[in-house]
Amino acid sequence: MANIKSQIKRNKQNEVRRLRNKAVRAELKTRVKVAVNAAETDADDREEASRAAIKRIDKAVTKGVIHKNAAARRKSRLAKHLAKAGAEA
């Protein structure tokens, strides 16, 4: 444990940010999973689910949780997966 006051504060801040980032990443994964499942089952709300997933990815970039290139990669993979599921249906 740190003895310096500023480092104690910094550790608290880092922990709060870590938990917030963890929650954002978890929701991101959930939204992507819902979008993929909606596309595979040919659900009515698949466009809405994919829009929500892309929105969350973009928001994570804005908040600094993931890198912009990682977001571009995730959106590309999601779009590719949705197109494949749409072509099969």
Protein backbone atom coordinates (compact mmCIF):
# COMPACT_ATOMS: atom_id res chain seq x y z
CA MET A 1 0.00 0.00 0.00
CA ALA A 2 1.23 3.46 -0.87
CA ASN A 3 2.28 5.91 1.82
CA ILE A 4 2.07 9.02 -0.33
CA LYS A 5 -1.27 10.82 -0.22
CA SER A 6 -1.41 11.53 -3.95
CA GLN A 7 -0.69 7.89 -4.76
CA ILE A 8 -3.44 6.70 -2.42
CA LYS A 9 -5.87 8.99 -4.24
CA ARG A 10 -4.56 7.84 -7.62
CA ASN A 11 -5.11 4.19 -6.63
CA LYS A 12 -8.73 4.96 -5.69
CA GLN A 13 -9.29 6.73 -9.00
CA ASN A 14 -7.74 3.86 -10.94
CA GLU A 15 -10.00 1.35 -9.21
CA VAL A 16 -13.13 3.38 -9.99
CA ARG A 17 -12.07 3.70 -13.63
CA ARG A 18 -11.22 0.00 -13.87
CA LEU A 19 -14.68 -0.98 -12.66
CA ARG A 20 -16.36 1.50 -15.01
CA ASN A 21 -14.33 0.25 -17.99
CA LYS A 22 -15.11 -3.35 -17.05
CA ALA A 23 -18.84 -2.58 -17.05
CA VAL A 24 -18.62 -0.84 -20.43
CA ARG A 25 -16.71 -3.77 -21.97
CA ALA A 26 -19.20 -6.27 -20.55
CA GLU A 27 -22.16 -4.36 -21.98
CA LEU A 28 -20.36 -4.06 -25.30
CA LYS A 29 -19.90 -7.83 -25.50
CA THR A 30 -23.54 -8.37 -24.55
CA ARG A 31 -24.83 -5.97 -27.22
CA VAL A 32 -22.69 -7.63 -29.90
CA LYS A 33 -23.85 -11.08 -28.82
CA VAL A 34 -27.51 -9.99 -28.93
CA ALA A 35 -27.01 -8.51 -32.42
CA VAL A 36 -25.35 -11.68 -33.72
CA ASN A 37 -28.04 -13.91 -32.22
CA ALA A 38 -30.78 -11.70 -33.67
CA ALA A 39 -29.19 -11.92 -37.11
CA GLU A 40 -28.74 -15.68 -36.94
CA THR A 41 -32.33 -16.32 -35.82
CA ASP A 42 -33.63 -13.77 -38.36
CA ALA A 43 -35.41 -11.80 -35.63
CA ASP A 44 -37.50 -8.71 -36.37
CA ASP A 45 -35.32 -6.45 -34.22
CA ARG A 46 -31.97 -7.40 -35.77
CA GLU A 47 -31.39 -3.96 -37.31
CA GLU A 48 -32.16 -2.31 -33.99
CA ALA A 49 -29.85 -4.72 -32.15
CA SER A 50 -26.99 -4.12 -34.59
CA ARG A 51 -27.51 -0.36 -34.35
CA ALA A 52 -27.37 -0.57 -30.55
CA ALA A 53 -24.17 -2.63 -30.70
CA ILE A 54 -22.46 -0.17 -33.05
CA LYS A 55 -23.62 2.73 -30.91
CA ARG A 56 -22.08 1.14 -27.80
CA ILE A 57 -18.83 0.47 -29.64
CA ASP A 58 -18.64 4.12 -30.73
CA LYS A 59 -19.47 5.30 -27.22
CA ALA A 60 -16.71 3.13 -25.76
CA VAL A 61 -14.22 4.83 -28.10
CA THR A 62 -15.47 8.26 -27.06
CA LYS A 63 -15.04 7.37 -23.38
CA GLY A 64 -11.55 6.01 -24.04
CA VAL A 65 -12.35 2.42 -23.05
CA ILE A 66 -11.21 0.90 -26.35
CA HIS A 67 -8.96 2.18 -29.14
CA LYS A 68 -10.55 3.55 -32.32
CA ASN A 69 -8.87 0.89 -34.46
CA ALA A 70 -10.17 -1.84 -32.15
CA ALA A 71 -13.65 -0.35 -32.53
CA ALA A 72 -13.31 -0.27 -36.32
CA ARG A 73 -12.22 -3.91 -36.27
CA ARG A 74 -15.14 -4.95 -34.06
CA LYS A 75 -17.66 -3.07 -36.20
CA SER A 76 -16.22 -4.59 -39.35
CA ARG A 77 -16.43 -8.11 -37.94
CA LEU A 78 -19.97 -7.49 -36.73
CA ALA A 79 -21.06 -6.16 -40.14
CA LYS A 80 -19.43 -9.12 -41.85
CA HIS A 81 -21.20 -11.53 -39.50
CA LEU A 82 -24.55 -9.81 -40.03
CA ALA A 83 -24.12 -9.84 -43.82
CA LYS A 84 -23.27 -13.55 -43.75
CA ALA A 85 -26.31 -14.32 -41.60
CA GLY A 86 -28.51 -12.21 -43.89
CA ALA A 87 -27.25 -13.98 -47.00
CA GLU A 88 -27.89 -17.42 -45.53
CA ALA A 89 -31.47 -16.55 -44.56
